[in-house]
Amino acid sequence: MSLNANNDEFYSRFHEQLKKSQSWPGKYMFKFILKSNHTDINKLKDFFKKFKKKISIRSSSKENYISITITVSLISSQDVILTYKKVSKIKGIIMI
């Protein structure tokens, strides 16, 4: 199975789980991890600039990584999927 097919299958299952576990529109909490010296932290923040949001940033105990939690209100579970797909283009980002 190709990587794209795996991604499509993953996002399809994830979409179904989101529809069942949450009512829409609603708030969704995104969690990301980046290296502390990562230059794309601002790119991630800029991506969410258009949203009314709550952002929490924490450093790991050895300060090698940064955990970024962003809570936003979205219209549908499909918006969550689209957001993850767009953010996944940031090199080195870990999506939780």
N, C-alpha and C. Protein backbone atom coordinates (compact mmCIF):
# COMPACT_ATOMS: atom_id res chain seq x y z
N MET A 1 0.85 -1.18 0.00
CA MET A 1 0.00 0.00 0.00
C MET A 1 0.89 1.24 0.00
N SER A 2 0.54 2.22 -0.80
CA SER A 2 1.36 3.42 -0.90
C SER A 2 1.15 4.31 0.32
N LEU A 3 2.08 5.24 0.50
CA LEU A 3 1.99 6.17 1.62
C LEU A 3 0.71 7.00 1.52
N ASN A 4 0.37 7.46 0.32
CA ASN A 4 -0.85 8.25 0.14
C ASN A 4 -2.10 7.44 0.49
N ALA A 5 -2.11 6.16 0.10
CA ALA A 5 -3.25 5.31 0.43
C ALA A 5 -3.35 5.14 1.94
N ASN A 6 -2.20 4.97 2.60
CA ASN A 6 -2.20 4.87 4.06
C ASN A 6 -2.73 6.15 4.69
N ASN A 7 -2.28 7.30 4.17
CA ASN A 7 -2.75 8.59 4.68
C ASN A 7 -4.25 8.73 4.48
N ASP A 8 -4.73 8.37 3.29
CA ASP A 8 -6.16 8.48 3.01
C ASP A 8 -6.97 7.60 3.95
N GLU A 9 -6.50 6.39 4.18
CA GLU A 9 -7.18 5.47 5.08
C GLU A 9 -7.17 6.01 6.51
N PHE A 10 -6.02 6.52 6.94
CA PHE A 10 -5.91 7.09 8.28
C PHE A 10 -6.88 8.25 8.46
N TYR A 11 -6.86 9.19 7.51
CA TYR A 11 -7.72 10.37 7.64
C TYR A 11 -9.20 10.00 7.55
N SER A 12 -9.53 8.99 6.78
CA SER A 12 -10.91 8.53 6.70
C SER A 12 -11.39 7.98 8.05
N ARG A 13 -10.57 7.14 8.67
CA ARG A 13 -10.90 6.61 10.00
C ARG A 13 -10.98 7.73 11.04
N PHE A 14 -10.01 8.63 10.98
CA PHE A 14 -9.96 9.74 11.92
C PHE A 14 -11.21 10.61 11.78
N HIS A 15 -11.61 10.87 10.55
CA HIS A 15 -12.80 11.67 10.27
C HIS A 15 -14.03 11.03 10.90
N GLU A 16 -14.19 9.74 10.75
CA GLU A 16 -15.32 9.03 11.34
C GLU A 16 -15.29 9.11 12.87
N GLN A 17 -14.10 8.96 13.44
CA GLN A 17 -13.97 9.06 14.91
C GLN A 17 -14.35 10.46 15.40
N LEU A 18 -13.91 11.48 14.67
CA LEU A 18 -14.24 12.85 15.05
C LEU A 18 -15.74 13.10 15.00
N LYS A 19 -16.39 12.59 13.96
CA LYS A 19 -17.84 12.79 13.84
C LYS A 19 -18.60 12.13 14.99
N LYS A 20 -18.11 10.98 15.43
CA LYS A 20 -18.79 10.24 16.50
C LYS A 20 -18.48 10.80 17.89
N SER A 21 -17.29 11.32 18.07
CA SER A 21 -16.84 11.70 19.42
C SER A 21 -17.16 13.13 19.81
N GLN A 22 -17.58 13.93 18.85
CA GLN A 22 -17.73 15.35 19.13
C GLN A 22 -18.88 15.92 18.32
N SER A 23 -19.55 16.93 18.86
CA SER A 23 -20.60 17.59 18.08
C SER A 23 -20.00 18.81 17.38
N TRP A 24 -20.51 19.08 16.19
CA TRP A 24 -19.98 20.17 15.37
C TRP A 24 -21.09 21.15 15.07
N PRO A 25 -20.78 22.45 14.98
CA PRO A 25 -19.48 23.08 15.22
C PRO A 25 -19.06 22.95 16.68
N GLY A 26 -17.74 23.04 16.87
CA GLY A 26 -17.23 22.90 18.21
C GLY A 26 -15.76 23.24 18.31
N LYS A 27 -15.25 23.18 19.53
CA LYS A 27 -13.83 23.46 19.77
C LYS A 27 -13.02 22.19 19.55
N TYR A 28 -11.81 22.38 19.02
CA TYR A 28 -10.90 21.26 18.83
C TYR A 28 -9.51 21.68 19.29
N MET A 29 -8.82 20.78 19.97
CA MET A 29 -7.49 21.06 20.49
C MET A 29 -6.44 20.36 19.63
N PHE A 30 -5.62 21.16 18.96
CA PHE A 30 -4.50 20.64 18.18
C PHE A 30 -3.27 20.63 19.07
N LYS A 31 -2.45 19.58 18.96
CA LYS A 31 -1.20 19.51 19.71
C LYS A 31 -0.07 19.20 18.74
N PHE A 32 1.00 19.96 18.87
CA PHE A 32 2.16 19.82 18.00
C PHE A 32 3.43 19.85 18.83
N ILE A 33 4.47 19.22 18.29
CA ILE A 33 5.80 19.28 18.91
C ILE A 33 6.79 19.68 17.83
N LEU A 34 7.65 20.62 18.17
CA LEU A 34 8.73 21.07 17.30
C LEU A 34 10.01 21.15 18.11
N LYS A 35 11.15 21.05 17.43
CA LYS A 35 12.42 21.29 18.12
C LYS A 35 12.45 22.74 18.57
N SER A 36 13.08 22.98 19.70
CA SER A 36 13.09 24.34 20.28
C SER A 36 13.70 25.37 19.35
N ASN A 37 14.68 24.97 18.58
CA ASN A 37 15.34 25.92 17.68
C ASN A 37 14.72 25.91 16.29
N HIS A 38 13.56 25.31 16.17
CA HIS A 38 12.91 25.18 14.87
C HIS A 38 12.48 26.55 14.36
N THR A 39 12.80 26.82 13.12
CA THR A 39 12.50 28.14 12.54
C THR A 39 11.05 28.28 12.10
N ASP A 40 10.30 27.19 12.09
CA ASP A 40 8.93 27.25 11.59
C ASP A 40 7.87 27.41 12.68
N ILE A 41 8.27 27.73 13.90
CA ILE A 41 7.30 27.95 14.97
C ILE A 41 6.38 29.11 14.58
N ASN A 42 6.95 30.16 14.04
CA ASN A 42 6.13 31.30 13.62
C ASN A 42 5.23 30.95 12.44
N LYS A 43 5.69 30.05 11.58
CA LYS A 43 4.86 29.60 10.46
C LYS A 43 3.61 28.90 10.99
N LEU A 44 3.78 28.09 12.03
CA LEU A 44 2.65 27.41 12.64
C LEU A 44 1.70 28.43 13.27
N LYS A 45 2.25 29.39 14.01
CA LYS A 45 1.41 30.42 14.63
C LYS A 45 0.68 31.23 13.56
N ASP A 46 1.37 31.56 12.47
CA ASP A 46 0.76 32.33 11.39
C ASP A 46 -0.39 31.57 10.74
N PHE A 47 -0.25 30.25 10.65
CA PHE A 47 -1.30 29.46 10.04
C PHE A 47 -2.62 29.63 10.80
N PHE A 48 -2.54 29.73 12.12
CA PHE A 48 -3.73 29.84 12.95
C PHE A 48 -4.12 31.29 13.23
N LYS A 49 -3.45 32.24 12.56
CA LYS A 49 -3.69 33.66 12.81
C LYS A 49 -5.15 34.05 12.55
N LYS A 50 -5.78 33.45 11.55
CA LYS A 50 -7.14 33.84 11.18
C LYS A 50 -8.21 33.30 12.13
N PHE A 51 -7.81 32.38 13.02
CA PHE A 51 -8.75 31.77 13.95
C PHE A 51 -8.78 32.51 15.28
N LYS A 52 -9.95 32.52 15.91
CA LYS A 52 -10.02 32.91 17.30
C LYS A 52 -9.50 31.70 18.06
N LYS A 53 -8.44 31.87 18.85
CA LYS A 53 -7.74 30.70 19.39
C LYS A 53 -7.20 30.94 20.78
N LYS A 54 -6.82 29.84 21.39
CA LYS A 54 -6.08 29.87 22.65
C LYS A 54 -4.82 29.05 22.39
N ILE A 55 -3.65 29.66 22.65
CA ILE A 55 -2.37 28.99 22.39
C ILE A 55 -1.62 28.81 23.70
N SER A 56 -1.08 27.61 23.88
CA SER A 56 -0.23 27.31 25.03
C SER A 56 1.08 26.73 24.50
N ILE A 57 2.20 27.29 24.96
CA ILE A 57 3.51 26.81 24.52
C ILE A 57 4.32 26.43 25.75
N ARG A 58 4.85 25.21 25.71
CA ARG A 58 5.66 24.72 26.84
C ARG A 58 6.93 24.08 26.30
N SER A 59 8.02 24.29 27.00
CA SER A 59 9.29 23.66 26.66
C SER A 59 9.42 22.33 27.38
N SER A 60 10.14 21.40 26.75
CA SER A 60 10.41 20.12 27.41
C SER A 60 11.38 20.35 28.56
N SER A 61 11.55 19.36 29.41
CA SER A 61 12.39 19.52 30.61
C SER A 61 13.83 19.88 30.25
N LYS A 62 14.35 19.35 29.16
CA LYS A 62 15.71 19.68 28.73
C LYS A 62 15.73 20.80 27.69
N GLU A 63 14.56 21.35 27.42
CA GLU A 63 14.38 22.46 26.49
C GLU A 63 14.83 22.14 25.07
N ASN A 64 14.77 20.86 24.69
CA ASN A 64 15.09 20.47 23.33
C ASN A 64 13.89 20.60 22.40
N TYR A 65 12.70 20.52 22.98
CA TYR A 65 11.46 20.55 22.20
C TYR A 65 10.47 21.54 22.78
N ILE A 66 9.54 21.94 21.94
CA ILE A 66 8.45 22.81 22.36
C ILE A 66 7.14 22.11 22.04
N SER A 67 6.25 22.11 23.01
CA SER A 67 4.90 21.59 22.82
C SER A 67 3.97 22.78 22.61
N ILE A 68 3.22 22.74 21.53
CA ILE A 68 2.30 23.83 21.22
C ILE A 68 0.89 23.26 21.17
N THR A 69 0.02 23.80 22.00
CA THR A 69 -1.39 23.40 22.02
C THR A 69 -2.21 24.59 21.55
N ILE A 70 -3.03 24.35 20.54
CA ILE A 70 -3.86 25.41 19.98
C ILE A 70 -5.31 24.93 19.96
N THR A 71 -6.17 25.66 20.66
CA THR A 71 -7.59 25.33 20.69
C THR A 71 -8.35 26.35 19.85
N VAL A 72 -9.13 25.84 18.89
CA VAL A 72 -9.89 26.70 17.99
C VAL A 72 -11.31 26.16 17.84
N SER A 73 -12.22 27.03 17.43
CA SER A 73 -13.58 26.61 17.10
C SER A 73 -13.64 26.34 15.60
N LEU A 74 -14.18 25.18 15.25
CA LEU A 74 -14.28 24.79 13.85
C LEU A 74 -15.71 24.39 13.52
N ILE A 75 -16.05 24.47 12.25
CA ILE A 75 -17.40 24.18 11.79
C ILE A 75 -17.67 22.68 11.74
N SER A 76 -16.67 21.91 11.26
CA SER A 76 -16.92 20.48 11.06
C SER A 76 -15.66 19.66 11.30
N SER A 77 -15.85 18.36 11.38
CA SER A 77 -14.71 17.45 11.53
C SER A 77 -13.81 17.51 10.30
N GLN A 78 -14.38 17.81 9.15
CA GLN A 78 -13.57 17.93 7.93
C GLN A 78 -12.58 19.08 8.05
N ASP A 79 -12.94 20.14 8.76
CA ASP A 79 -12.02 21.27 8.98
C ASP A 79 -10.80 20.83 9.78
N VAL A 80 -10.99 19.91 10.71
CA VAL A 80 -9.87 19.37 11.49
C VAL A 80 -8.91 18.64 10.55
N ILE A 81 -9.46 17.79 9.69
CA ILE A 81 -8.65 17.02 8.74
C ILE A 81 -7.88 17.96 7.82
N LEU A 82 -8.56 18.94 7.25
CA LEU A 82 -7.91 19.88 6.34
C LEU A 82 -6.79 20.65 7.03
N THR A 83 -7.02 21.04 8.28
CA THR A 83 -6.00 21.76 9.04
C THR A 83 -4.77 20.88 9.26
N TYR A 84 -4.98 19.64 9.69
CA TYR A 84 -3.85 18.73 9.88
C TYR A 84 -3.08 18.52 8.58
N LYS A 85 -3.78 18.37 7.47
CA LYS A 85 -3.10 18.16 6.19
C LYS A 85 -2.24 19.36 5.81
N LYS A 86 -2.76 20.57 6.04
CA LYS A 86 -1.99 21.77 5.71
C LYS A 86 -0.79 21.93 6.63
N VAL A 87 -1.00 21.73 7.93
CA VAL A 87 0.09 21.89 8.90
C VAL A 87 1.16 20.82 8.70
N SER A 88 0.78 19.65 8.21
CA SER A 88 1.74 18.56 8.03
C SER A 88 2.84 18.91 7.04
N LYS A 89 2.65 19.97 6.27
CA LYS A 89 3.67 20.39 5.29
C LYS A 89 4.83 21.12 5.96
N ILE A 90 4.69 21.48 7.23
CA ILE A 90 5.79 22.12 7.96
C ILE A 90 6.80 21.03 8.30
N LYS A 91 7.99 21.19 7.78
CA LYS A 91 9.03 20.17 7.96
C LYS A 91 9.41 20.05 9.44
N GLY A 92 9.45 18.81 9.92
CA GLY A 92 9.90 18.55 11.28
C GLY A 92 8.81 18.61 12.34
N ILE A 93 7.58 18.92 11.94
CA ILE A 93 6.51 19.02 12.93
C ILE A 93 6.01 17.63 13.30
N ILE A 94 5.71 17.46 14.56
CA ILE A 94 5.11 16.21 15.05
C ILE A 94 3.70 16.58 15.48
N MET A 95 2.73 15.89 14.90
CA MET A 95 1.32 16.16 15.22
C MET A 95 0.82 15.07 16.15
N ILE A 96 0.24 15.49 17.26
CA ILE A 96 -0.24 14.52 18.25
C ILE A 96 -1.76 14.48 18.18
